[in-house]
Amino acid sequence: MQQIINFIIRNKNFLLFLLLFCMSLLFTIQSHSYHKSKFINSANFLTGGIYNSVNNISGYFNLKSQNQLLAEENKRLRALILNSEIQPDSAYIDSLTFNKAYRFYNANIIKNSYALTDNILTLNKGTNDSIKQDFGVISSKGLIGIVDKTSNNYATVLSILNTTSRISAQLKKTNHFGTLTWNGDTPDLTQLIDIPKIAPVKIGDTIITSGRSSIFPKGVPIGLIESFQLDIAENYYEINVQLFNDMTNIEHVYIIENSNTEEINTLLHE
């Protein structure tokens, strides 16, 4: 303790200068929008870089399981290419099953959040990779979320495990559709609401995206009906959906761009 006191006494002038310098820097950042924006961008870059480094380390120790997943995915892709009669099961998707209006980008999740009520994911792709806000995000097994914000090299994703998330979804066997939400209880179940009670709902049926937005194509798998009940007014079903994705263990994802989004949005706002 005495050594620390002696160090402060010997270097008090330098420490005073350092304190004044930090205060002046802080006042400059707060009072000038240009410097403030540069500081925020630098902080975001630093944070993204830290997440990326941590992800690279953890990814190294997870190579075996991830390589196994990729090998299985490549096997299915080759089967689809070589034999057009093979149909992928309800818990698997790939870009070959959708029309050419959609472009796909590979990305990795470098920060995964699933224990909060409003979960956000971070990807290692950003505007430098042509990624923009409101692009869809999926994995080889199903729905992940929607791109929320982007920087040059990173993007944040509004996870389907976010209580503010709203995505149009439907029963695979019929065209009855509703809204996919999350009640914040458990990371393996989401809720599908606003399905009319005339719909033939059964436990074990598959839920997919409805294609009734410019973000996701129709047919992206979401999960299976785990349970259901009528709402208080007994007009619509409230359905618990068991997710195909294990949202606590995801790394490789696809980002979806609908090349017709601008045209669709222009038409809707005319």
C-alpha atoms as a PDB file:
ATOM      1  CA  MET A   1       0.000   0.000   0.000  1.00  0.00           C
ATOM      2  CA  GLN A   2       2.868   2.351   0.906  1.00  0.00           C
ATOM      3  CA  GLN A   3       4.469   1.661  -2.464  1.00  0.00           C
ATOM      4  CA  ILE A   4       1.298   2.750  -4.254  1.00  0.00           C
ATOM      5  CA  ILE A   5       1.164   5.975  -2.212  1.00  0.00           C
ATOM      6  CA  ASN A   6       4.813   6.711  -2.983  1.00  0.00           C
ATOM      7  CA  PHE A   7       4.200   6.093  -6.704  1.00  0.00           C
ATOM      8  CA  ILE A   8       1.276   8.549  -6.712  1.00  0.00           C
ATOM      9  CA  ILE A   9       3.349  11.203  -4.912  1.00  0.00           C
ATOM     10  CA  ARG A  10       6.261  10.845  -7.320  1.00  0.00           C
ATOM     11  CA  ASN A  11       4.038  10.938 -10.405  1.00  0.00           C
ATOM     12  CA  LYS A  12       1.298  13.314  -9.315  1.00  0.00           C
ATOM     13  CA  ASN A  13       2.003  15.789 -12.105  1.00  0.00           C
ATOM     14  CA  PHE A  14       1.792  13.115 -14.765  1.00  0.00           C
ATOM     15  CA  LEU A  15      -1.389  11.644 -13.274  1.00  0.00           C
ATOM     16  CA  LEU A  16      -2.959  15.100 -13.118  1.00  0.00           C
ATOM     17  CA  PHE A  17      -2.095  15.671 -16.776  1.00  0.00           C
ATOM     18  CA  LEU A  18      -3.582  12.284 -17.725  1.00  0.00           C
ATOM     19  CA  LEU A  19      -6.810  13.070 -15.860  1.00  0.00           C
ATOM     20  CA  LEU A  20      -7.163  16.475 -17.551  1.00  0.00           C
ATOM     21  CA  PHE A  21      -6.479  14.922 -20.950  1.00  0.00           C
ATOM     22  CA  CYS A  22      -9.195  12.274 -20.473  1.00  0.00           C
ATOM     23  CA  MET A  23     -11.697  14.913 -19.339  1.00  0.00           C
ATOM     24  CA  SER A  24     -10.968  17.122 -22.342  1.00  0.00           C
ATOM     25  CA  LEU A  25     -11.319  14.162 -24.679  1.00  0.00           C
ATOM     26  CA  LEU A  26     -14.679  13.262 -23.120  1.00  0.00           C
ATOM     27  CA  PHE A  27     -15.987  16.833 -23.451  1.00  0.00           C
ATOM     28  CA  THR A  28     -14.853  16.947 -27.090  1.00  0.00           C
ATOM     29  CA  ILE A  29     -16.678  13.724 -27.940  1.00  0.00           C
ATOM     30  CA  GLN A  30     -19.905  14.818 -26.210  1.00  0.00           C
ATOM     31  CA  SER A  31     -20.002  18.283 -27.782  1.00  0.00           C
ATOM     32  CA  HIS A  32     -19.182  17.374 -31.396  1.00  0.00           C
ATOM     33  CA  SER A  33     -21.472  15.012 -33.311  1.00  0.00           C
ATOM     34  CA  TYR A  34     -18.696  14.071 -35.750  1.00  0.00           C
ATOM     35  CA  HIS A  35     -16.286  13.037 -32.991  1.00  0.00           C
ATOM     36  CA  LYS A  36     -19.124  11.296 -31.136  1.00  0.00           C
ATOM     37  CA  SER A  37     -20.087   9.214 -34.177  1.00  0.00           C
ATOM     38  CA  LYS A  38     -16.441   8.304 -34.774  1.00  0.00           C
ATOM     39  CA  PHE A  39     -16.080   7.241 -31.139  1.00  0.00           C
ATOM     40  CA  ILE A  40     -19.238   5.087 -31.278  1.00  0.00           C
ATOM     41  CA  ASN A  41     -18.151   3.444 -34.527  1.00  0.00           C
ATOM     42  CA  SER A  42     -14.726   2.727 -33.041  1.00  0.00           C
ATOM     43  CA  ALA A  43     -16.348   1.229 -29.935  1.00  0.00           C
ATOM     44  CA  ASN A  44     -18.618  -0.955 -32.060  1.00  0.00           C
ATOM     45  CA  PHE A  45     -15.621  -2.068 -34.111  1.00  0.00           C
ATOM     46  CA  LEU A  46     -13.684  -2.927 -30.945  1.00  0.00           C
ATOM     47  CA  THR A  47     -16.638  -4.810 -29.418  1.00  0.00           C
ATOM     48  CA  GLY A  48     -17.234  -6.749 -32.627  1.00  0.00           C
ATOM     49  CA  GLY A  49     -13.545  -7.597 -32.817  1.00  0.00           C
ATOM     50  CA  ILE A  50     -13.550  -8.925 -29.245  1.00  0.00           C
ATOM     51  CA  TYR A  51     -16.623 -11.086 -29.914  1.00  0.00           C
ATOM     52  CA  ASN A  52     -14.991 -12.348 -33.112  1.00  0.00           C
ATOM     53  CA  SER A  53     -11.768 -13.296 -31.283  1.00  0.00           C
ATOM     54  CA  VAL A  54     -13.656 -15.089 -28.506  1.00  0.00           C
ATOM     55  CA  ASN A  55     -15.744 -16.903 -31.116  1.00  0.00           C
ATOM     56  CA  ASN A  56     -12.604 -18.026 -32.990  1.00  0.00           C
ATOM     57  CA  ILE A  57     -11.190 -19.542 -29.792  1.00  0.00           C
ATOM     58  CA  SER A  58     -14.406 -21.330 -28.823  1.00  0.00           C
ATOM     59  CA  GLY A  59     -14.926 -22.401 -32.434  1.00  0.00           C
ATOM     60  CA  TYR A  60     -11.544 -24.142 -32.432  1.00  0.00           C
ATOM     61  CA  PHE A  61     -12.639 -26.407 -29.580  1.00  0.00           C
ATOM     62  CA  ASN A  62     -15.983 -27.035 -31.302  1.00  0.00           C
ATOM     63  CA  LEU A  63     -14.574 -27.993 -34.710  1.00  0.00           C
ATOM     64  CA  LYS A  64     -15.503 -31.668 -34.545  1.00  0.00           C
ATOM     65  CA  SER A  65     -19.239 -31.156 -34.006  1.00  0.00           C
ATOM     66  CA  GLN A  66     -19.421 -28.272 -36.493  1.00  0.00           C
ATOM     67  CA  ASN A  67     -17.548 -30.230 -39.173  1.00  0.00           C
ATOM     68  CA  GLN A  68     -19.935 -33.119 -38.650  1.00  0.00           C
ATOM     69  CA  LEU A  69     -22.887 -30.768 -39.157  1.00  0.00           C
ATOM     70  CA  LEU A  70     -21.346 -29.298 -42.324  1.00  0.00           C
ATOM     71  CA  ALA A  71     -20.528 -32.747 -43.697  1.00  0.00           C
ATOM     72  CA  GLU A  72     -24.134 -33.843 -43.190  1.00  0.00           C
ATOM     73  CA  GLU A  73     -25.376 -30.670 -44.871  1.00  0.00           C
ATOM     74  CA  ASN A  74     -23.053 -31.170 -47.865  1.00  0.00           C
ATOM     75  CA  LYS A  75     -24.262 -34.745 -48.206  1.00  0.00           C
ATOM     76  CA  ARG A  76     -27.871 -33.605 -48.428  1.00  0.00           C
ATOM     77  CA  LEU A  77     -26.994 -30.862 -50.921  1.00  0.00           C
ATOM     78  CA  ARG A  78     -25.206 -33.307 -53.206  1.00  0.00           C
ATOM     79  CA  ALA A  79     -28.156 -35.681 -53.014  1.00  0.00           C
ATOM     80  CA  LEU A  80     -30.543 -32.895 -54.036  1.00  0.00           C
ATOM     81  CA  ILE A  81     -28.331 -31.874 -56.959  1.00  0.00           C
ATOM     82  CA  LEU A  82     -27.824 -35.423 -58.261  1.00  0.00           C
ATOM     83  CA  ASN A  83     -31.361 -36.678 -57.712  1.00  0.00           C
ATOM     84  CA  SER A  84     -34.179 -34.172 -58.187  1.00  0.00           C
ATOM     85  CA  GLU A  85     -36.721 -36.687 -56.897  1.00  0.00           C
ATOM     86  CA  ILE A  86     -35.264 -36.576 -53.374  1.00  0.00           C
ATOM     87  CA  GLN A  87     -37.263 -34.252 -51.122  1.00  0.00           C
ATOM     88  CA  PRO A  88     -35.663 -32.666 -48.042  1.00  0.00           C
ATOM     89  CA  ASP A  89     -37.373 -33.434 -44.746  1.00  0.00           C
ATOM     90  CA  SER A  90     -39.285 -30.787 -42.817  1.00  0.00           C
ATOM     91  CA  ALA A  91     -36.320 -30.038 -40.559  1.00  0.00           C
ATOM     92  CA  TYR A  92     -33.833 -29.222 -43.301  1.00  0.00           C
ATOM     93  CA  ILE A  93     -33.577 -26.436 -45.868  1.00  0.00           C
ATOM     94  CA  ASP A  94     -31.149 -25.175 -48.477  1.00  0.00           C
ATOM     95  CA  SER A  95     -31.079 -22.401 -51.068  1.00  0.00           C
ATOM     96  CA  LEU A  96     -31.955 -24.788 -53.916  1.00  0.00           C
ATOM     97  CA  THR A  97     -35.538 -25.067 -52.646  1.00  0.00           C
ATOM     98  CA  PHE A  98     -36.330 -21.372 -53.165  1.00  0.00           C
ATOM     99  CA  ASN A  99     -36.711 -19.310 -56.321  1.00  0.00           C
ATOM    100  CA  LYS A 100     -33.998 -17.060 -57.746  1.00  0.00           C
ATOM    101  CA  ALA A 101     -35.506 -13.912 -56.213  1.00  0.00           C
ATOM    102  CA  TYR A 102     -33.598 -14.754 -53.026  1.00  0.00           C
ATOM    103  CA  ARG A 103     -29.833 -14.414 -52.574  1.00  0.00           C
ATOM    104  CA  PHE A 104     -28.026 -16.289 -49.802  1.00  0.00           C
ATOM    105  CA  TYR A 105     -24.936 -15.219 -47.835  1.00  0.00           C
ATOM    106  CA  ASN A 106     -22.938 -17.379 -45.430  1.00  0.00           C
ATOM    107  CA  ALA A 107     -22.183 -16.023 -41.956  1.00  0.00           C
ATOM    108  CA  ASN A 108     -21.143 -17.138 -38.478  1.00  0.00           C
ATOM    109  CA  ILE A 109     -22.731 -16.190 -35.169  1.00  0.00           C
ATOM    110  CA  ILE A 110     -19.987 -14.715 -32.983  1.00  0.00           C
ATOM    111  CA  LYS A 111     -22.246 -13.845 -30.056  1.00  0.00           C
ATOM    112  CA  ASN A 112     -25.329 -15.839 -29.133  1.00  0.00           C
ATOM    113  CA  SER A 113     -27.935 -14.692 -26.612  1.00  0.00           C
ATOM    114  CA  TYR A 114     -30.848 -16.897 -25.545  1.00  0.00           C
ATOM    115  CA  ALA A 115     -31.278 -16.433 -21.764  1.00  0.00           C
ATOM    116  CA  LEU A 116     -32.765 -12.925 -21.896  1.00  0.00           C
ATOM    117  CA  THR A 117     -36.269 -11.785 -22.835  1.00  0.00           C
ATOM    118  CA  ASP A 118     -35.034  -9.684 -25.769  1.00  0.00           C
ATOM    119  CA  ASN A 119     -32.221 -11.718 -27.300  1.00  0.00           C
ATOM    120  CA  ILE A 120     -29.860 -10.315 -29.926  1.00  0.00           C
ATOM    121  CA  LEU A 121     -27.308 -12.269 -32.001  1.00  0.00           C
ATOM    122  CA  THR A 122     -24.128 -10.871 -33.580  1.00  0.00           C
ATOM    123  CA  LEU A 123     -22.880 -11.990 -37.024  1.00  0.00           C
ATOM    124  CA  ASN A 124     -19.416 -11.617 -38.586  1.00  0.00           C
ATOM    125  CA  LYS A 125     -20.834  -9.998 -41.744  1.00  0.00           C
ATOM    126  CA  GLY A 126     -21.877  -6.382 -42.338  1.00  0.00           C
ATOM    127  CA  THR A 127     -22.424  -3.707 -44.967  1.00  0.00           C
ATOM    128  CA  ASN A 128     -19.051  -4.504 -46.568  1.00  0.00           C
ATOM    129  CA  ASP A 129     -20.584  -7.915 -47.365  1.00  0.00           C
ATOM    130  CA  SER A 130     -23.809  -6.360 -48.780  1.00  0.00           C
ATOM    131  CA  ILE A 131     -25.773  -7.156 -45.597  1.00  0.00           C
ATOM    132  CA  LYS A 132     -28.593  -4.746 -44.776  1.00  0.00           C
ATOM    133  CA  GLN A 133     -31.311  -4.220 -42.197  1.00  0.00           C
ATOM    134  CA  ASP A 134     -34.382  -6.494 -42.488  1.00  0.00           C
ATOM    135  CA  PHE A 135     -32.549  -9.344 -44.219  1.00  0.00           C
ATOM    136  CA  GLY A 136     -33.742 -12.743 -42.987  1.00  0.00           C
ATOM    137  CA  VAL A 137     -31.453 -15.143 -41.109  1.00  0.00           C
ATOM    138  CA  ILE A 138     -31.851 -18.937 -41.122  1.00  0.00           C
ATOM    139  CA  SER A 139     -29.783 -22.038 -40.482  1.00  0.00           C
ATOM    140  CA  SER A 140     -29.789 -25.382 -42.279  1.00  0.00           C
ATOM    141  CA  LYS A 141     -32.585 -26.449 -39.913  1.00  0.00           C
ATOM    142  CA  GLY A 142     -34.823 -23.408 -39.857  1.00  0.00           C
ATOM    143  CA  LEU A 143     -35.659 -19.886 -38.767  1.00  0.00           C
ATOM    144  CA  ILE A 144     -33.211 -17.763 -36.713  1.00  0.00           C
ATOM    145  CA  GLY A 145     -34.312 -14.104 -36.920  1.00  0.00           C
ATOM    146  CA  ILE A 146     -34.065 -10.806 -38.811  1.00  0.00           C
ATOM    147  CA  VAL A 147     -31.081  -8.465 -39.256  1.00  0.00           C
ATOM    148  CA  ASP A 148     -31.638  -5.447 -37.018  1.00  0.00           C
ATOM    149  CA  LYS A 149     -28.533  -3.242 -37.321  1.00  0.00           C
ATOM    150  CA  THR A 150     -25.312  -3.318 -39.350  1.00  0.00           C
ATOM    151  CA  SER A 151     -21.819  -1.860 -39.224  1.00  0.00           C
ATOM    152  CA  ASN A 152     -19.073  -2.283 -41.810  1.00  0.00           C
ATOM    153  CA  ASN A 153     -18.083  -5.765 -40.678  1.00  0.00           C
ATOM    154  CA  TYR A 154     -20.801  -6.952 -38.301  1.00  0.00           C
ATOM    155  CA  ALA A 155     -24.568  -7.228 -37.971  1.00  0.00           C
ATOM    156  CA  THR A 156     -26.952  -7.736 -35.084  1.00  0.00           C
ATOM    157  CA  VAL A 157     -29.965 -10.005 -35.446  1.00  0.00           C
ATOM    158  CA  LEU A 158     -33.338  -9.787 -33.694  1.00  0.00           C
ATOM    159  CA  SER A 159     -33.653 -13.427 -32.622  1.00  0.00           C
ATOM    160  CA  ILE A 160     -36.945 -15.307 -32.752  1.00  0.00           C
ATOM    161  CA  LEU A 161     -36.264 -15.591 -29.000  1.00  0.00           C
ATOM    162  CA  ASN A 162     -37.092 -11.922 -28.594  1.00  0.00           C
ATOM    163  CA  THR A 163     -40.412 -10.819 -27.118  1.00  0.00           C
ATOM    164  CA  THR A 164     -40.674  -8.019 -29.715  1.00  0.00           C
ATOM    165  CA  SER A 165     -40.214 -10.389 -32.680  1.00  0.00           C
ATOM    166  CA  ARG A 166     -43.211 -10.821 -35.019  1.00  0.00           C
ATOM    167  CA  ILE A 167     -42.922 -13.151 -38.036  1.00  0.00           C
ATOM    168  CA  SER A 168     -45.713 -14.440 -40.286  1.00  0.00           C
ATOM    169  CA  ALA A 169     -45.987 -18.245 -40.070  1.00  0.00           C
ATOM    170  CA  GLN A 170     -48.463 -20.916 -41.088  1.00  0.00           C
ATOM    171  CA  LEU A 171     -49.451 -24.557 -40.866  1.00  0.00           C
ATOM    172  CA  LYS A 172     -47.535 -26.525 -43.491  1.00  0.00           C
ATOM    173  CA  LYS A 173     -50.559 -28.697 -44.366  1.00  0.00           C
ATOM    174  CA  THR A 174     -52.901 -25.736 -44.973  1.00  0.00           C
ATOM    175  CA  ASN A 175     -52.710 -22.014 -45.717  1.00  0.00           C
ATOM    176  CA  HIS A 176     -53.957 -20.960 -42.267  1.00  0.00           C
ATOM    177  CA  PHE A 177     -51.460 -18.408 -41.024  1.00  0.00           C
ATOM    178  CA  GLY A 178     -50.786 -16.344 -37.922  1.00  0.00           C
ATOM    179  CA  THR A 179     -47.968 -14.570 -36.092  1.00  0.00           C
ATOM    180  CA  LEU A 180     -44.929 -16.233 -34.549  1.00  0.00           C
ATOM    181  CA  THR A 181     -44.016 -14.662 -31.187  1.00  0.00           C
ATOM    182  CA  TRP A 182     -42.102 -15.640 -28.039  1.00  0.00           C
ATOM    183  CA  ASN A 183     -43.373 -15.446 -24.468  1.00  0.00           C
ATOM    184  CA  GLY A 184     -39.866 -15.453 -22.963  1.00  0.00           C
ATOM    185  CA  ASP A 185     -40.269 -18.719 -21.041  1.00  0.00           C
ATOM    186  CA  THR A 186     -37.990 -21.315 -22.679  1.00  0.00           C
ATOM    187  CA  PRO A 187     -35.555 -21.220 -25.650  1.00  0.00           C
ATOM    188  CA  ASP A 188     -36.935 -24.362 -27.291  1.00  0.00           C
ATOM    189  CA  LEU A 189     -40.555 -23.197 -27.637  1.00  0.00           C
ATOM    190  CA  THR A 190     -42.094 -20.255 -29.502  1.00  0.00           C
ATOM    191  CA  GLN A 191     -45.760 -19.356 -29.841  1.00  0.00           C
ATOM    192  CA  LEU A 192     -47.947 -19.114 -32.942  1.00  0.00           C
ATOM    193  CA  ILE A 193     -51.045 -16.971 -32.371  1.00  0.00           C
ATOM    194  CA  ASP A 194     -54.059 -15.815 -34.424  1.00  0.00           C
ATOM    195  CA  ILE A 195     -54.668 -19.222 -36.061  1.00  0.00           C
ATOM    196  CA  PRO A 196     -58.478 -19.447 -36.542  1.00  0.00           C
ATOM    197  CA  LYS A 197     -60.224 -22.244 -34.664  1.00  0.00           C
ATOM    198  CA  ILE A 198     -61.543 -23.707 -37.937  1.00  0.00           C
ATOM    199  CA  ALA A 199     -57.956 -24.681 -38.823  1.00  0.00           C
ATOM    200  CA  PRO A 200     -57.170 -28.431 -38.538  1.00  0.00           C
ATOM    201  CA  VAL A 201     -54.512 -28.111 -35.827  1.00  0.00           C
ATOM    202  CA  LYS A 202     -52.803 -31.318 -34.647  1.00  0.00           C
ATOM    203  CA  ILE A 203     -49.892 -32.036 -32.324  1.00  0.00           C
ATOM    204  CA  GLY A 204     -46.822 -32.916 -34.374  1.00  0.00           C
ATOM    205  CA  ASP A 205     -47.804 -30.852 -37.439  1.00  0.00           C
ATOM    206  CA  THR A 206     -45.093 -28.697 -39.014  1.00  0.00           C
ATOM    207  CA  ILE A 207     -45.008 -24.883 -38.855  1.00  0.00           C
ATOM    208  CA  ILE A 208     -43.264 -22.923 -41.650  1.00  0.00           C
ATOM    209  CA  THR A 209     -42.879 -19.296 -42.736  1.00  0.00           C
ATOM    210  CA  SER A 210     -45.896 -18.108 -44.712  1.00  0.00           C
ATOM    211  CA  GLY A 211     -44.114 -15.981 -47.344  1.00  0.00           C
ATOM    212  CA  ARG A 212     -46.523 -13.125 -46.555  1.00  0.00           C
ATOM    213  CA  SER A 213     -43.716 -10.607 -46.140  1.00  0.00           C
ATOM    214  CA  SER A 214     -40.759  -9.425 -48.190  1.00  0.00           C
ATOM    215  CA  ILE A 215     -38.234 -10.928 -45.757  1.00  0.00           C
ATOM    216  CA  PHE A 216     -38.640 -14.718 -45.814  1.00  0.00           C
ATOM    217  CA  PRO A 217     -39.742 -16.994 -48.635  1.00  0.00           C
ATOM    218  CA  LYS A 218     -42.590 -19.383 -47.956  1.00  0.00           C
ATOM    219  CA  GLY A 219     -41.558 -22.719 -46.543  1.00  0.00           C
ATOM    220  CA  VAL A 220     -38.690 -22.020 -44.146  1.00  0.00           C
ATOM    221  CA  PRO A 221     -39.128 -24.654 -41.384  1.00  0.00           C
ATOM    222  CA  ILE A 222     -39.760 -23.404 -37.869  1.00  0.00           C
ATOM    223  CA  GLY A 223     -40.825 -26.364 -35.756  1.00  0.00           C
ATOM    224  CA  LEU A 224     -43.526 -28.839 -34.722  1.00  0.00           C
ATOM    225  CA  ILE A 225     -46.762 -28.215 -32.806  1.00  0.00           C
ATOM    226  CA  GLU A 226     -46.066 -29.235 -29.205  1.00  0.00           C
ATOM    227  CA  SER A 227     -49.427 -28.189 -27.708  1.00  0.00           C
ATOM    228  CA  PHE A 228     -52.317 -25.806 -28.386  1.00  0.00           C
ATOM    229  CA  GLN A 229     -55.397 -24.221 -26.843  1.00  0.00           C
ATOM    230  CA  LEU A 230     -58.051 -21.668 -27.735  1.00  0.00           C
ATOM    231  CA  ASP A 231     -57.593 -18.087 -26.557  1.00  0.00           C
ATOM    232  CA  ILE A 232     -59.896 -16.429 -23.996  1.00  0.00           C
ATOM    233  CA  ALA A 233     -62.446 -15.460 -26.661  1.00  0.00           C
ATOM    234  CA  GLU A 234     -62.224 -19.011 -28.111  1.00  0.00           C
ATOM    235  CA  ASN A 235     -61.848 -17.696 -31.656  1.00  0.00           C
ATOM    236  CA  TYR A 236     -58.155 -18.379 -32.282  1.00  0.00           C
ATOM    237  CA  TYR A 237     -55.597 -20.982 -31.301  1.00  0.00           C
ATOM    238  CA  GLU A 238     -52.525 -20.276 -29.223  1.00  0.00           C
ATOM    239  CA  ILE A 239     -49.944 -22.839 -30.308  1.00  0.00           C
ATOM    240  CA  ASN A 240     -46.647 -23.847 -28.705  1.00  0.00           C
ATOM    241  CA  VAL A 241     -44.066 -24.639 -31.396  1.00  0.00           C
ATOM    242  CA  GLN A 242     -41.114 -26.930 -30.649  1.00  0.00           C
ATOM    243  CA  LEU A 243     -38.263 -25.394 -32.652  1.00  0.00           C
ATOM    244  CA  PHE A 244     -36.197 -27.418 -35.114  1.00  0.00           C
ATOM    245  CA  ASN A 245     -33.193 -25.247 -34.252  1.00  0.00           C
ATOM    246  CA  ASP A 246     -31.387 -25.619 -30.969  1.00  0.00           C
ATOM    247  CA  MET A 247     -31.084 -21.883 -30.377  1.00  0.00           C
ATOM    248  CA  THR A 248     -28.521 -22.484 -27.612  1.00  0.00           C
ATOM    249  CA  ASN A 249     -26.094 -24.156 -30.043  1.00  0.00           C
ATOM    250  CA  ILE A 250     -25.906 -22.424 -33.438  1.00  0.00           C
ATOM    251  CA  GLU A 251     -22.915 -21.100 -35.347  1.00  0.00           C
ATOM    252  CA  HIS A 252     -23.248 -21.298 -39.143  1.00  0.00           C
ATOM    253  CA  VAL A 253     -26.189 -19.386 -40.657  1.00  0.00           C
ATOM    254  CA  TYR A 254     -27.480 -18.093 -43.986  1.00  0.00           C
ATOM    255  CA  ILE A 255     -28.563 -14.497 -44.532  1.00  0.00           C
ATOM    256  CA  ILE A 256     -31.433 -14.107 -47.035  1.00  0.00           C
ATOM    257  CA  GLU A 257     -31.860 -11.125 -49.333  1.00  0.00           C
ATOM    258  CA  ASN A 258     -35.067 -10.738 -51.317  1.00  0.00           C
ATOM    259  CA  SER A 259     -34.000  -8.929 -54.504  1.00  0.00           C
ATOM    260  CA  ASN A 260     -37.609  -7.777 -55.021  1.00  0.00           C
ATOM    261  CA  THR A 261     -37.989  -6.117 -51.591  1.00  0.00           C
ATOM    262  CA  GLU A 262     -37.702  -2.539 -52.860  1.00  0.00           C
ATOM    263  CA  GLU A 263     -40.283  -3.099 -55.603  1.00  0.00           C
ATOM    264  CA  ILE A 264     -42.693  -4.781 -53.160  1.00  0.00           C
ATOM    265  CA  ASN A 265     -42.355  -2.031 -50.543  1.00  0.00           C
ATOM    266  CA  THR A 266     -42.839   0.681 -53.165  1.00  0.00           C
ATOM    267  CA  LEU A 267     -46.047  -0.985 -54.322  1.00  0.00           C
ATOM    268  CA  LEU A 268     -47.356  -1.351 -50.757  1.00  0.00           C
ATOM    269  CA  HIS A 269     -46.747   2.329 -49.947  1.00  0.00           C
ATOM    270  CA  GLU A 270     -48.312   3.783 -53.098  1.00  0.00           C
END
